[in-house]
Amino acid sequence: MTSTKKAAVSLIKGRHITAADKRNIVEGIEWLRQETAPYVAALPNQTPNYGAIWIKRGTSAKRYSIAPTRDRGTFSVTIRENYRADSGQMRRRDMAVMVQIANIEPLYMPAAEGGES
């Protein structure tokens, strides 16, 4: 049974993230779980490369790469934002953060289940 509590995102390491970033991270994890379910069912001994998938939510200029870490409920997130400099040049800014998420089912990680060191 899934938890009825709302997912809570706490910043562990990195710069400030907005409430919209937190919502997008939680929605991104749910999306990754749904999208990788067929892959996990077909190849249960292999871990999907979650960090290689970039997720864009709505009309936001930001994209998110979300990868689980060895610590349960902890995720490494890269937030990529495209913007236009004063000179008109397109630029890209990446920000790496580490977040702890409570009240959410973790993504599938077979390495975390076993005793790998």
PDB file of N, CA and C in Angstrom:
ATOM      1  N   MET A   1       0.843  -1.184   0.000  1.00  0.00           N
ATOM      2  CA  MET A   1       0.000   0.000   0.000  1.00  0.00           C
ATOM      3  C   MET A   1       0.885   1.242   0.000  1.00  0.00           C
ATOM      4  N   THR A   2       0.552   2.216  -0.777  1.00  0.00           N
ATOM      5  CA  THR A   2       1.340   3.430  -0.860  1.00  0.00           C
ATOM      6  C   THR A   2       0.983   4.364   0.295  1.00  0.00           C
ATOM      7  N   SER A   3       1.925   5.206   0.635  1.00  0.00           N
ATOM      8  CA  SER A   3       1.732   6.151   1.732  1.00  0.00           C
ATOM      9  C   SER A   3       0.778   7.272   1.306  1.00  0.00           C
ATOM     10  N   THR A   4      -0.054   7.702   2.246  1.00  0.00           N
ATOM     11  CA  THR A   4      -0.970   8.809   1.960  1.00  0.00           C
ATOM     12  C   THR A   4      -0.354  10.151   2.331  1.00  0.00           C
ATOM     13  N   LYS A   5       0.829  10.112   2.938  1.00  0.00           N
ATOM     14  CA  LYS A   5       1.506  11.351   3.303  1.00  0.00           C
ATOM     15  C   LYS A   5       2.119  11.989   2.062  1.00  0.00           C
ATOM     16  N   LYS A   6       2.216  13.297   2.087  1.00  0.00           N
ATOM     17  CA  LYS A   6       2.803  14.058   0.990  1.00  0.00           C
ATOM     18  C   LYS A   6       4.327  13.897   1.026  1.00  0.00           C
ATOM     19  N   ALA A   7       4.929  13.767  -0.139  1.00  0.00           N
ATOM     20  CA  ALA A   7       6.387  13.637  -0.214  1.00  0.00           C
ATOM     21  C   ALA A   7       7.041  14.928   0.279  1.00  0.00           C
ATOM     22  N   ALA A   8       8.088  14.778   1.088  1.00  0.00           N
ATOM     23  CA  ALA A   8       8.802  15.925   1.644  1.00  0.00           C
ATOM     24  C   ALA A   8      10.237  15.907   1.133  1.00  0.00           C
ATOM     25  N   VAL A   9      10.658  16.992   0.512  1.00  0.00           N
ATOM     26  CA  VAL A   9      11.993  17.103  -0.063  1.00  0.00           C
ATOM     27  C   VAL A   9      12.845  17.999   0.824  1.00  0.00           C
ATOM     28  N   SER A  10      14.014  17.470   1.228  1.00  0.00           N
ATOM     29  CA  SER A  10      14.951  18.247   2.042  1.00  0.00           C
ATOM     30  C   SER A  10      16.272  18.356   1.301  1.00  0.00           C
ATOM     31  N   LEU A  11      16.806  19.550   1.220  1.00  0.00           N
ATOM     32  CA  LEU A  11      18.088  19.781   0.567  1.00  0.00           C
ATOM     33  C   LEU A  11      19.205  19.349   1.509  1.00  0.00           C
ATOM     34  N   ILE A  12      20.075  18.460   1.048  1.00  0.00           N
ATOM     35  CA  ILE A  12      21.204  17.998   1.849  1.00  0.00           C
ATOM     36  C   ILE A  12      22.462  18.776   1.492  1.00  0.00           C
ATOM     37  N   LYS A  13      22.686  18.935   0.180  1.00  0.00           N
ATOM     38  CA  LYS A  13      23.914  19.572  -0.286  1.00  0.00           C
ATOM     39  C   LYS A  13      23.613  20.340  -1.563  1.00  0.00           C
ATOM     40  N   GLY A  14      24.168  21.527  -1.677  1.00  0.00           N
ATOM     41  CA  GLY A  14      23.988  22.329  -2.875  1.00  0.00           C
ATOM     42  C   GLY A  14      23.316  23.648  -2.559  1.00  0.00           C
ATOM     43  N   ARG A  15      23.055  24.400  -3.608  1.00  0.00           N
ATOM     44  CA  ARG A  15      22.424  25.708  -3.459  1.00  0.00           C
ATOM     45  C   ARG A  15      20.930  25.572  -3.256  1.00  0.00           C
ATOM     46  N   HIS A  16      20.285  26.657  -2.950  1.00  0.00           N
ATOM     47  CA  HIS A  16      18.846  26.700  -2.707  1.00  0.00           C
ATOM     48  C   HIS A  16      18.064  26.192  -3.915  1.00  0.00           C
ATOM     49  N   ILE A  17      17.042  25.386  -3.669  1.00  0.00           N
ATOM     50  CA  ILE A  17      16.129  24.978  -4.733  1.00  0.00           C
ATOM     51  C   ILE A  17      14.739  25.494  -4.387  1.00  0.00           C
ATOM     52  N   THR A  18      13.991  25.830  -5.406  1.00  0.00           N
ATOM     53  CA  THR A  18      12.670  26.423  -5.201  1.00  0.00           C
ATOM     54  C   THR A  18      11.631  25.345  -4.901  1.00  0.00           C
ATOM     55  N   ALA A  19      10.474  25.777  -4.468  1.00  0.00           N
ATOM     56  CA  ALA A  19       9.368  24.852  -4.231  1.00  0.00           C
ATOM     57  C   ALA A  19       8.969  24.176  -5.537  1.00  0.00           C
ATOM     58  N   ALA A  20       9.027  24.916  -6.643  1.00  0.00           N
ATOM     59  CA  ALA A  20       8.719  24.324  -7.955  1.00  0.00           C
ATOM     60  C   ALA A  20       9.734  23.240  -8.301  1.00  0.00           C
ATOM     61  N   ASP A  21      11.020  23.476  -7.986  1.00  0.00           N
ATOM     62  CA  ASP A  21      12.048  22.455  -8.216  1.00  0.00           C
ATOM     63  C   ASP A  21      11.717  21.203  -7.413  1.00  0.00           C
ATOM     64  N   LYS A  22      11.329  21.382  -6.162  1.00  0.00           N
ATOM     65  CA  LYS A  22      11.001  20.237  -5.306  1.00  0.00           C
ATOM     66  C   LYS A  22       9.820  19.451  -5.876  1.00  0.00           C
ATOM     67  N   ARG A  23       8.783  20.149  -6.308  1.00  0.00           N
ATOM     68  CA  ARG A  23       7.630  19.470  -6.916  1.00  0.00           C
ATOM     69  C   ARG A  23       8.045  18.734  -8.188  1.00  0.00           C
ATOM     70  N   ASN A  24       8.863  19.378  -8.998  1.00  0.00           N
ATOM     71  CA  ASN A  24       9.312  18.758 -10.242  1.00  0.00           C
ATOM     72  C   ASN A  24      10.181  17.531  -9.989  1.00  0.00           C
ATOM     73  N   ILE A  25      10.980  17.551  -8.949  1.00  0.00           N
ATOM     74  CA  ILE A  25      11.814  16.395  -8.601  1.00  0.00           C
ATOM     75  C   ILE A  25      10.929  15.225  -8.187  1.00  0.00           C
ATOM     76  N   VAL A  26       9.944  15.479  -7.337  1.00  0.00           N
ATOM     77  CA  VAL A  26       9.035  14.407  -6.898  1.00  0.00           C
ATOM     78  C   VAL A  26       8.264  13.843  -8.092  1.00  0.00           C
ATOM     79  N   GLU A  27       7.724  14.711  -8.947  1.00  0.00           N
ATOM     80  CA  GLU A  27       7.003  14.255 -10.131  1.00  0.00           C
ATOM     81  C   GLU A  27       7.933  13.509 -11.085  1.00  0.00           C
ATOM     82  N   GLY A  28       9.188  13.950 -11.168  1.00  0.00           N
ATOM     83  CA  GLY A  28      10.168  13.279 -12.019  1.00  0.00           C
ATOM     84  C   GLY A  28      10.473  11.876 -11.536  1.00  0.00           C
ATOM     85  N   ILE A  29      10.566  11.685 -10.228  1.00  0.00           N
ATOM     86  CA  ILE A  29      10.812  10.349  -9.673  1.00  0.00           C
ATOM     87  C   ILE A  29       9.635   9.429  -9.984  1.00  0.00           C
ATOM     88  N   GLU A  30       8.430   9.927  -9.825  1.00  0.00           N
ATOM     89  CA  GLU A  30       7.245   9.131 -10.147  1.00  0.00           C
ATOM     90  C   GLU A  30       7.233   8.766 -11.634  1.00  0.00           C
ATOM     91  N   TRP A  31       7.590   9.714 -12.496  1.00  0.00           N
ATOM     92  CA  TRP A  31       7.629   9.467 -13.928  1.00  0.00           C
ATOM     93  C   TRP A  31       8.692   8.423 -14.262  1.00  0.00           C
ATOM     94  N   LEU A  32       9.880   8.545 -13.649  1.00  0.00           N
ATOM     95  CA  LEU A  32      10.942   7.567 -13.883  1.00  0.00           C
ATOM     96  C   LEU A  32      10.503   6.169 -13.467  1.00  0.00           C
ATOM     97  N   ARG A  33       9.811   6.061 -12.340  1.00  0.00           N
ATOM     98  CA  ARG A  33       9.342   4.758 -11.872  1.00  0.00           C
ATOM     99  C   ARG A  33       8.409   4.127 -12.912  1.00  0.00           C
ATOM    100  N   GLN A  34       7.487   4.915 -13.454  1.00  0.00           N
ATOM    101  CA  GLN A  34       6.545   4.396 -14.449  1.00  0.00           C
ATOM    102  C   GLN A  34       7.241   4.041 -15.763  1.00  0.00           C
ATOM    103  N   GLU A  35       8.140   4.906 -16.207  1.00  0.00           N
ATOM    104  CA  GLU A  35       8.802   4.694 -17.497  1.00  0.00           C
ATOM    105  C   GLU A  35       9.799   3.544 -17.472  1.00  0.00           C
ATOM    106  N   THR A  36      10.444   3.294 -16.339  1.00  0.00           N
ATOM    107  CA  THR A  36      11.452   2.237 -16.271  1.00  0.00           C
ATOM    108  C   THR A  36      10.864   0.909 -15.813  1.00  0.00           C
ATOM    109  N   ALA A  37       9.591   0.866 -15.425  1.00  0.00           N
ATOM    110  CA  ALA A  37       8.972  -0.378 -14.944  1.00  0.00           C
ATOM    111  C   ALA A  37       9.096  -1.524 -15.963  1.00  0.00           C
ATOM    112  N   PRO A  38       8.824  -1.304 -17.260  1.00  0.00           N
ATOM    113  CA  PRO A  38       8.979  -2.408 -18.227  1.00  0.00           C
ATOM    114  C   PRO A  38      10.437  -2.882 -18.324  1.00  0.00           C
ATOM    115  N   TYR A  39      11.384  -1.957 -18.276  1.00  0.00           N
ATOM    116  CA  TYR A  39      12.807  -2.300 -18.335  1.00  0.00           C
ATOM    117  C   TYR A  39      13.201  -3.133 -17.118  1.00  0.00           C
ATOM    118  N   VAL A  40      12.755  -2.717 -15.938  1.00  0.00           N
ATOM    119  CA  VAL A  40      13.070  -3.431 -14.698  1.00  0.00           C
ATOM    120  C   VAL A  40      12.455  -4.825 -14.718  1.00  0.00           C
ATOM    121  N   ALA A  41      11.230  -4.944 -15.230  1.00  0.00           N
ATOM    122  CA  ALA A  41      10.572  -6.248 -15.302  1.00  0.00           C
ATOM    123  C   ALA A  41      11.309  -7.187 -16.261  1.00  0.00           C
ATOM    124  N   ALA A  42      11.826  -6.648 -17.359  1.00  0.00           N
ATOM    125  CA  ALA A  42      12.523  -7.465 -18.352  1.00  0.00           C
ATOM    126  C   ALA A  42      13.940  -7.829 -17.920  1.00  0.00           C
ATOM    127  N   LEU A  43      14.633  -6.905 -17.274  1.00  0.00           N
ATOM    128  CA  LEU A  43      16.030  -7.116 -16.861  1.00  0.00           C
ATOM    129  C   LEU A  43      16.189  -6.770 -15.379  1.00  0.00           C
ATOM    130  N   PRO A  44      15.699  -7.621 -14.475  1.00  0.00           N
ATOM    131  CA  PRO A  44      15.703  -7.269 -13.051  1.00  0.00           C
ATOM    132  C   PRO A  44      17.086  -7.175 -12.410  1.00  0.00           C
ATOM    133  N   ASN A  45      18.115  -7.742 -13.026  1.00  0.00           N
ATOM    134  CA  ASN A  45      19.458  -7.691 -12.427  1.00  0.00           C
ATOM    135  C   ASN A  45      20.239  -6.459 -12.842  1.00  0.00           C
ATOM    136  N   GLN A  46      19.713  -5.669 -13.754  1.00  0.00           N
ATOM    137  CA  GLN A  46      20.411  -4.476 -14.224  1.00  0.00           C
ATOM    138  C   GLN A  46      19.724  -3.220 -13.711  1.00  0.00           C
ATOM    139  N   THR A  47      20.536  -2.243 -13.350  1.00  0.00           N
ATOM    140  CA  THR A  47      20.004  -0.966 -12.882  1.00  0.00           C
ATOM    141  C   THR A  47      19.816  -0.030 -14.066  1.00  0.00           C
ATOM    142  N   PRO A  48      18.642   0.557 -14.221  1.00  0.00           N
ATOM    143  CA  PRO A  48      18.465   1.550 -15.282  1.00  0.00           C
ATOM    144  C   PRO A  48      19.395   2.741 -15.052  1.00  0.00           C
ATOM    145  N   ASN A  49      19.842   3.358 -16.126  1.00  0.00           N
ATOM    146  CA  ASN A  49      20.706   4.531 -16.011  1.00  0.00           C
ATOM    147  C   ASN A  49      19.816   5.767 -15.834  1.00  0.00           C
ATOM    148  N   TYR A  50      19.332   5.960 -14.610  1.00  0.00           N
ATOM    149  CA  TYR A  50      18.402   7.049 -14.326  1.00  0.00           C
ATOM    150  C   TYR A  50      19.013   8.416 -14.637  1.00  0.00           C
ATOM    151  N   GLY A  51      20.288   8.596 -14.340  1.00  0.00           N
ATOM    152  CA  GLY A  51      20.940   9.894 -14.518  1.00  0.00           C
ATOM    153  C   GLY A  51      21.071  10.341 -15.964  1.00  0.00           C
ATOM    154  N   ALA A  52      20.932   9.414 -16.913  1.00  0.00           N
ATOM    155  CA  ALA A  52      21.057   9.769 -18.328  1.00  0.00           C
ATOM    156  C   ALA A  52      19.744  10.312 -18.903  1.00  0.00           C
ATOM    157  N   ILE A  53      18.675  10.246 -18.124  1.00  0.00           N
ATOM    158  CA  ILE A  53      17.365  10.690 -18.591  1.00  0.00           C
ATOM    159  C   ILE A  53      17.113  12.110 -18.088  1.00  0.00           C
ATOM    160  N   TRP A  54      16.870  13.024 -19.009  1.00  0.00           N
ATOM    161  CA  TRP A  54      16.568  14.406 -18.650  1.00  0.00           C
ATOM    162  C   TRP A  54      15.064  14.615 -18.697  1.00  0.00           C
ATOM    163  N   ILE A  55      14.506  15.184 -17.642  1.00  0.00           N
ATOM    164  CA  ILE A  55      13.064  15.372 -17.523  1.00  0.00           C
ATOM    165  C   ILE A  55      12.755  16.861 -17.532  1.00  0.00           C
ATOM    166  N   LYS A  56      11.829  17.256 -18.394  1.00  0.00           N
ATOM    167  CA  LYS A  56      11.386  18.653 -18.462  1.00  0.00           C
ATOM    168  C   LYS A  56       9.921  18.673 -18.074  1.00  0.00           C
ATOM    169  N   ARG A  57       9.553  19.558 -17.188  1.00  0.00           N
ATOM    170  CA  ARG A  57       8.179  19.636 -16.703  1.00  0.00           C
ATOM    171  C   ARG A  57       7.518  20.911 -17.201  1.00  0.00           C
ATOM    172  N   GLY A  58       6.409  20.775 -17.896  1.00  0.00           N
ATOM    173  CA  GLY A  58       5.634  21.930 -18.333  1.00  0.00           C
ATOM    174  C   GLY A  58       6.411  22.897 -19.198  1.00  0.00           C
ATOM    175  N   THR A  59       6.214  24.181 -18.956  1.00  0.00           N
ATOM    176  CA  THR A  59       6.864  25.223 -19.754  1.00  0.00           C
ATOM    177  C   THR A  59       8.146  25.740 -19.104  1.00  0.00           C
ATOM    178  N   SER A  60       8.600  25.082 -18.068  1.00  0.00           N
ATOM    179  CA  SER A  60       9.799  25.512 -17.359  1.00  0.00           C
ATOM    180  C   SER A  60      11.030  25.445 -18.271  1.00  0.00           C
ATOM    181  N   ALA A  61      11.964  26.355 -18.050  1.00  0.00           N
ATOM    182  CA  ALA A  61      13.221  26.349 -18.800  1.00  0.00           C
ATOM    183  C   ALA A  61      14.210  25.350 -18.200  1.00  0.00           C
ATOM    184  N   LYS A  62      13.826  24.725 -17.098  1.00  0.00           N
ATOM    185  CA  LYS A  62      14.715  23.799 -16.405  1.00  0.00           C
ATOM    186  C   LYS A  62      14.429  22.357 -16.792  1.00  0.00           C
ATOM    187  N   ARG A  63      15.512  21.561 -16.803  1.00  0.00           N
ATOM    188  CA  ARG A  63      15.425  20.116 -16.994  1.00  0.00           C
ATOM    189  C   ARG A  63      16.134  19.463 -15.821  1.00  0.00           C
ATOM    190  N   TYR A  64      15.709  18.268 -15.481  1.00  0.00           N
ATOM    191  CA  TYR A  64      16.214  17.590 -14.292  1.00  0.00           C
ATOM    192  C   TYR A  64      16.742  16.211 -14.643  1.00  0.00           C
ATOM    193  N   SER A  65      17.930  15.901 -14.126  1.00  0.00           N
ATOM    194  CA  SER A  65      18.486  14.557 -14.199  1.00  0.00           C
ATOM    195  C   SER A  65      18.498  14.049 -12.760  1.00  0.00           C
ATOM    196  N   ILE A  66      17.743  12.989 -12.498  1.00  0.00           N
ATOM    197  CA  ILE A  66      17.535  12.510 -11.137  1.00  0.00           C
ATOM    198  C   ILE A  66      18.080  11.092 -11.028  1.00  0.00           C
ATOM    199  N   ALA A  67      19.033  10.879 -10.139  1.00  0.00           N
ATOM    200  CA  ALA A  67      19.621   9.556  -9.966  1.00  0.00           C
ATOM    201  C   ALA A  67      19.643   9.188  -8.483  1.00  0.00           C
ATOM    202  N   PRO A  68      19.162   8.001  -8.144  1.00  0.00           N
ATOM    203  CA  PRO A  68      19.217   7.582  -6.743  1.00  0.00           C
ATOM    204  C   PRO A  68      20.659   7.295  -6.329  1.00  0.00           C
ATOM    205  N   THR A  69      20.947   7.478  -5.053  1.00  0.00           N
ATOM    206  CA  THR A  69      22.267   7.155  -4.518  1.00  0.00           C
ATOM    207  C   THR A  69      22.157   5.850  -3.739  1.00  0.00           C
ATOM    208  N   ARG A  70      23.246   5.440  -3.143  1.00  0.00           N
ATOM    209  CA  ARG A  70      23.238   4.207  -2.344  1.00  0.00           C
ATOM    210  C   ARG A  70      22.395   4.361  -1.085  1.00  0.00           C
ATOM    211  N   ASP A  71      22.264   5.581  -0.587  1.00  0.00           N
ATOM    212  CA  ASP A  71      21.447   5.823   0.602  1.00  0.00           C
ATOM    213  C   ASP A  71      19.983   5.864   0.193  1.00  0.00           C
ATOM    214  N   ARG A  72      19.188   5.072   0.836  1.00  0.00           N
ATOM    215  CA  ARG A  72      17.757   4.977   0.499  1.00  0.00           C
ATOM    216  C   ARG A  72      17.063   6.323   0.715  1.00  0.00           C
ATOM    217  N   GLY A  73      16.333   6.776  -0.293  1.00  0.00           N
ATOM    218  CA  GLY A  73      15.603   8.039  -0.194  1.00  0.00           C
ATOM    219  C   GLY A  73      16.431   9.264  -0.531  1.00  0.00           C
ATOM    220  N   THR A  74      17.703   9.081  -0.899  1.00  0.00           N
ATOM    221  CA  THR A  74      18.582  10.191  -1.243  1.00  0.00           C
ATOM    222  C   THR A  74      18.829  10.167  -2.750  1.00  0.00           C
ATOM    223  N   PHE A  75      18.743  11.346  -3.361  1.00  0.00           N
ATOM    224  CA  PHE A  75      18.890  11.453  -4.808  1.00  0.00           C
ATOM    225  C   PHE A  75      19.883  12.549  -5.163  1.00  0.00           C
ATOM    226  N   SER A  76      20.675  12.278  -6.189  1.00  0.00           N
ATOM    227  CA  SER A  76      21.567  13.272  -6.768  1.00  0.00           C
ATOM    228  C   SER A  76      20.818  13.878  -7.954  1.00  0.00           C
ATOM    229  N   VAL A  77      20.668  15.187  -7.942  1.00  0.00           N
ATOM    230  CA  VAL A  77      19.880  15.864  -8.972  1.00  0.00           C
ATOM    231  C   VAL A  77      20.737  16.930  -9.646  1.00  0.00           C
ATOM    232  N   THR A  78      20.731  16.918 -10.973  1.00  0.00           N
ATOM    233  CA  THR A  78      21.346  17.995 -11.736  1.00  0.00           C
ATOM    234  C   THR A  78      20.219  18.788 -12.366  1.00  0.00           C
ATOM    235  N   ILE A  79      20.220  20.092 -12.106  1.00  0.00           N
ATOM    236  CA  ILE A  79      19.207  20.982 -12.661  1.00  0.00           C
ATOM    237  C   ILE A  79      19.880  21.794 -13.760  1.00  0.00           C
ATOM    238  N   ARG A  80      19.383  21.656 -14.974  1.00  0.00           N
ATOM    239  CA  ARG A  80      19.959  22.349 -16.127  1.00  0.00           C
ATOM    240  C   ARG A  80      18.975  23.409 -16.599  1.00  0.00           C
ATOM    241  N   GLU A  81      19.503  24.624 -16.759  1.00  0.00           N
ATOM    242  CA  GLU A  81      18.657  25.726 -17.195  1.00  0.00           C
ATOM    243  C   GLU A  81      19.291  26.411 -18.388  1.00  0.00           C
ATOM    244  N   ASN A  82      18.520  26.602 -19.439  1.00  0.00           N
ATOM    245  CA  ASN A  82      18.969  27.362 -20.602  1.00  0.00           C
ATOM    246  C   ASN A  82      18.491  28.791 -20.435  1.00  0.00           C
ATOM    247  N   TYR A  83      19.361  29.739 -20.772  1.00  0.00           N
ATOM    248  CA  TYR A  83      18.996  31.152 -20.666  1.00  0.00           C
ATOM    249  C   TYR A  83      19.745  31.944 -21.725  1.00  0.00           C
ATOM    250  N   ARG A  84      19.314  33.148 -21.932  1.00  0.00           N
ATOM    251  CA  ARG A  84      19.946  34.028 -22.905  1.00  0.00           C
ATOM    252  C   ARG A  84      20.740  35.096 -22.157  1.00  0.00           C
ATOM    253  N   ALA A  85      22.016  35.227 -22.496  1.00  0.00           N
ATOM    254  CA  ALA A  85      22.887  36.222 -21.879  1.00  0.00           C
ATOM    255  C   ALA A  85      22.505  37.618 -22.371  1.00  0.00           C
ATOM    256  N   ASP A  86      23.027  38.648 -21.720  1.00  0.00           N
ATOM    257  CA  ASP A  86      22.746  40.026 -22.124  1.00  0.00           C
ATOM    258  C   ASP A  86      23.129  40.288 -23.578  1.00  0.00           C
ATOM    259  N   SER A  87      24.152  39.579 -24.051  1.00  0.00           N
ATOM    260  CA  SER A  87      24.597  39.763 -25.436  1.00  0.00           C
ATOM    261  C   SER A  87      23.712  39.005 -26.429  1.00  0.00           C
ATOM    262  N   GLY A  88      22.755  38.231 -25.930  1.00  0.00           N
ATOM    263  CA  GLY A  88      21.854  37.497 -26.804  1.00  0.00           C
ATOM    264  C   GLY A  88      22.261  36.063 -27.052  1.00  0.00           C
ATOM    265  N   GLN A  89      23.424  35.681 -26.536  1.00  0.00           N
ATOM    266  CA  GLN A  89      23.909  34.313 -26.708  1.00  0.00           C
ATOM    267  C   GLN A  89      23.134  33.357 -25.812  1.00  0.00           C
ATOM    268  N   MET A  90      22.822  32.162 -26.354  1.00  0.00           N
ATOM    269  CA  MET A  90      22.200  31.124 -25.527  1.00  0.00           C
ATOM    270  C   MET A  90      23.270  30.490 -24.661  1.00  0.00           C
ATOM    271  N   ARG A  91      22.953  30.337 -23.390  1.00  0.00           N
ATOM    272  CA  ARG A  91      23.886  29.728 -22.448  1.00  0.00           C
ATOM    273  C   ARG A  91      23.155  28.655 -21.648  1.00  0.00           C
ATOM    274  N   ARG A  92      23.937  27.827 -20.988  1.00  0.00           N
ATOM    275  CA  ARG A  92      23.372  26.758 -20.182  1.00  0.00           C
ATOM    276  C   ARG A  92      24.049  26.763 -18.814  1.00  0.00           C
ATOM    277  N   ARG A  93      23.248  26.616 -17.785  1.00  0.00           N
ATOM    278  CA  ARG A  93      23.753  26.587 -16.411  1.00  0.00           C
ATOM    279  C   ARG A  93      23.323  25.261 -15.785  1.00  0.00           C
ATOM    280  N   ASP A  94      24.276  24.541 -15.186  1.00  0.00           N
ATOM    281  CA  ASP A  94      23.978  23.300 -14.463  1.00  0.00           C
ATOM    282  C   ASP A  94      24.220  23.514 -12.981  1.00  0.00           C
ATOM    283  N   MET A  95      23.320  22.977 -12.173  1.00  0.00           N
ATOM    284  CA  MET A  95      23.467  23.058 -10.724  1.00  0.00           C
ATOM    285  C   MET A  95      23.251  21.652 -10.158  1.00  0.00           C
ATOM    286  N   ALA A  96      24.190  21.168  -9.380  1.00  0.00           N
ATOM    287  CA  ALA A  96      24.077  19.839  -8.781  1.00  0.00           C
ATOM    288  C   ALA A  96      23.678  19.981  -7.318  1.00  0.00           C
ATOM    289  N   VAL A  97      22.678  19.196  -6.921  1.00  0.00           N
ATOM    290  CA  VAL A  97      22.223  19.185  -5.535  1.00  0.00           C
ATOM    291  C   VAL A  97      22.008  17.740  -5.097  1.00  0.00           C
ATOM    292  N   MET A  98      21.976  17.551  -3.787  1.00  0.00           N
ATOM    293  CA  MET A  98      21.661  16.261  -3.189  1.00  0.00           C
ATOM    294  C   MET A  98      20.431  16.485  -2.325  1.00  0.00           C
ATOM    295  N   VAL A  99      19.402  15.659  -2.516  1.00  0.00           N
ATOM    296  CA  VAL A  99      18.167  15.824  -1.757  1.00  0.00           C
ATOM    297  C   VAL A  99      17.784  14.520  -1.068  1.00  0.00           C
ATOM    298  N   GLN A 100      17.088  14.670   0.040  1.00  0.00           N
ATOM    299  CA  GLN A 100      16.502  13.544   0.773  1.00  0.00           C
ATOM    300  C   GLN A 100      15.000  13.663   0.601  1.00  0.00           C
ATOM    301  N   ILE A 101      14.350  12.579   0.208  1.00  0.00           N
ATOM    302  CA  ILE A 101      12.909  12.627   0.008  1.00  0.00           C
ATOM    303  C   ILE A 101      12.249  11.597   0.911  1.00  0.00           C
ATOM    304  N   ALA A 102      11.321  12.066   1.726  1.00  0.00           N
ATOM    305  CA  ALA A 102      10.566  11.198   2.627  1.00  0.00           C
ATOM    306  C   ALA A 102       9.189  10.933   2.038  1.00  0.00           C
ATOM    307  N   ASN A 103       8.599   9.829   2.424  1.00  0.00           N
ATOM    308  CA  ASN A 103       7.242   9.445   2.029  1.00  0.00           C
ATOM    309  C   ASN A 103       7.095   9.205   0.531  1.00  0.00           C
ATOM    310  N   ILE A 104       8.118   8.612  -0.080  1.00  0.00           N
ATOM    311  CA  ILE A 104       8.046   8.259  -1.493  1.00  0.00           C
ATOM    312  C   ILE A 104       8.727   6.904  -1.665  1.00  0.00           C
ATOM    313  N   GLU A 105       8.169   6.105  -2.553  1.00  0.00           N
ATOM    314  CA  GLU A 105       8.749   4.801  -2.834  1.00  0.00           C
ATOM    315  C   GLU A 105      10.044   5.005  -3.621  1.00  0.00           C
ATOM    316  N   PRO A 106      11.144   4.379  -3.203  1.00  0.00           N
ATOM    317  CA  PRO A 106      12.417   4.598  -3.899  1.00  0.00           C
ATOM    318  C   PRO A 106      12.424   3.955  -5.285  1.00  0.00           C
ATOM    319  N   LEU A 107      13.301   4.438  -6.146  1.00  0.00           N
ATOM    320  CA  LEU A 107      13.473   3.852  -7.466  1.00  0.00           C
ATOM    321  C   LEU A 107      14.202   2.523  -7.325  1.00  0.00           C
ATOM    322  N   TYR A 108      14.022   1.654  -8.293  1.00  0.00           N
ATOM    323  CA  TYR A 108      14.611   0.319  -8.266  1.00  0.00           C
ATOM    324  C   TYR A 108      16.127   0.398  -8.373  1.00  0.00           C
ATOM    325  N   MET A 109      16.822  -0.182  -7.400  1.00  0.00           N
ATOM    326  CA  MET A 109      18.285  -0.236  -7.370  1.00  0.00           C
ATOM    327  C   MET A 109      18.729  -1.600  -6.857  1.00  0.00           C
ATOM    328  N   PRO A 110      19.018  -2.581  -7.732  1.00  0.00           N
ATOM    329  CA  PRO A 110      19.423  -3.902  -7.242  1.00  0.00           C
ATOM    330  C   PRO A 110      20.725  -3.869  -6.456  1.00  0.00           C
ATOM    331  N   ALA A 111      21.644  -2.940  -6.765  1.00  0.00           N
ATOM    332  CA  ALA A 111      22.904  -2.847  -6.028  1.00  0.00           C
ATOM    333  C   ALA A 111      22.658  -2.452  -4.578  1.00  0.00           C
ATOM    334  N   ALA A 112      21.626  -1.637  -4.325  1.00  0.00           N
ATOM    335  CA  ALA A 112      21.318  -1.202  -2.970  1.00  0.00           C
ATOM    336  C   ALA A 112      20.702  -2.337  -2.157  1.00  0.00           C
ATOM    337  N   GLU A 113      20.096  -3.305  -2.825  1.00  0.00           N
ATOM    338  CA  GLU A 113      19.466  -4.422  -2.133  1.00  0.00           C
ATOM    339  C   GLU A 113      20.534  -5.378  -1.593  1.00  0.00           C
ATOM    340  N   GLY A 114      21.604  -5.584  -2.369  1.00  0.00           N
ATOM    341  CA  GLY A 114      22.650  -6.532  -1.970  1.00  0.00           C
ATOM    342  C   GLY A 114      23.679  -5.869  -1.086  1.00  0.00           C
ATOM    343  N   GLY A 115      24.727  -6.598  -0.770  1.00  0.00           N
ATOM    344  CA  GLY A 115      25.748  -6.078   0.121  1.00  0.00           C
ATOM    345  C   GLY A 115      26.981  -5.609  -0.600  1.00  0.00           C
ATOM    346  N   GLU A 116      26.849  -4.855  -1.672  1.00  0.00           N
ATOM    347  CA  GLU A 116      28.011  -4.365  -2.400  1.00  0.00           C
ATOM    348  C   GLU A 116      28.714  -3.287  -1.592  1.00  0.00           C
ATOM    349  N   SER A 117      30.017  -3.243  -1.729  1.00  0.00           N
ATOM    350  CA  SER A 117      30.762  -2.191  -1.015  1.00  0.00           C
ATOM    351  C   SER A 117      31.421  -1.253  -1.962  1.00  0.00           C
TER     352      SER A 117
END
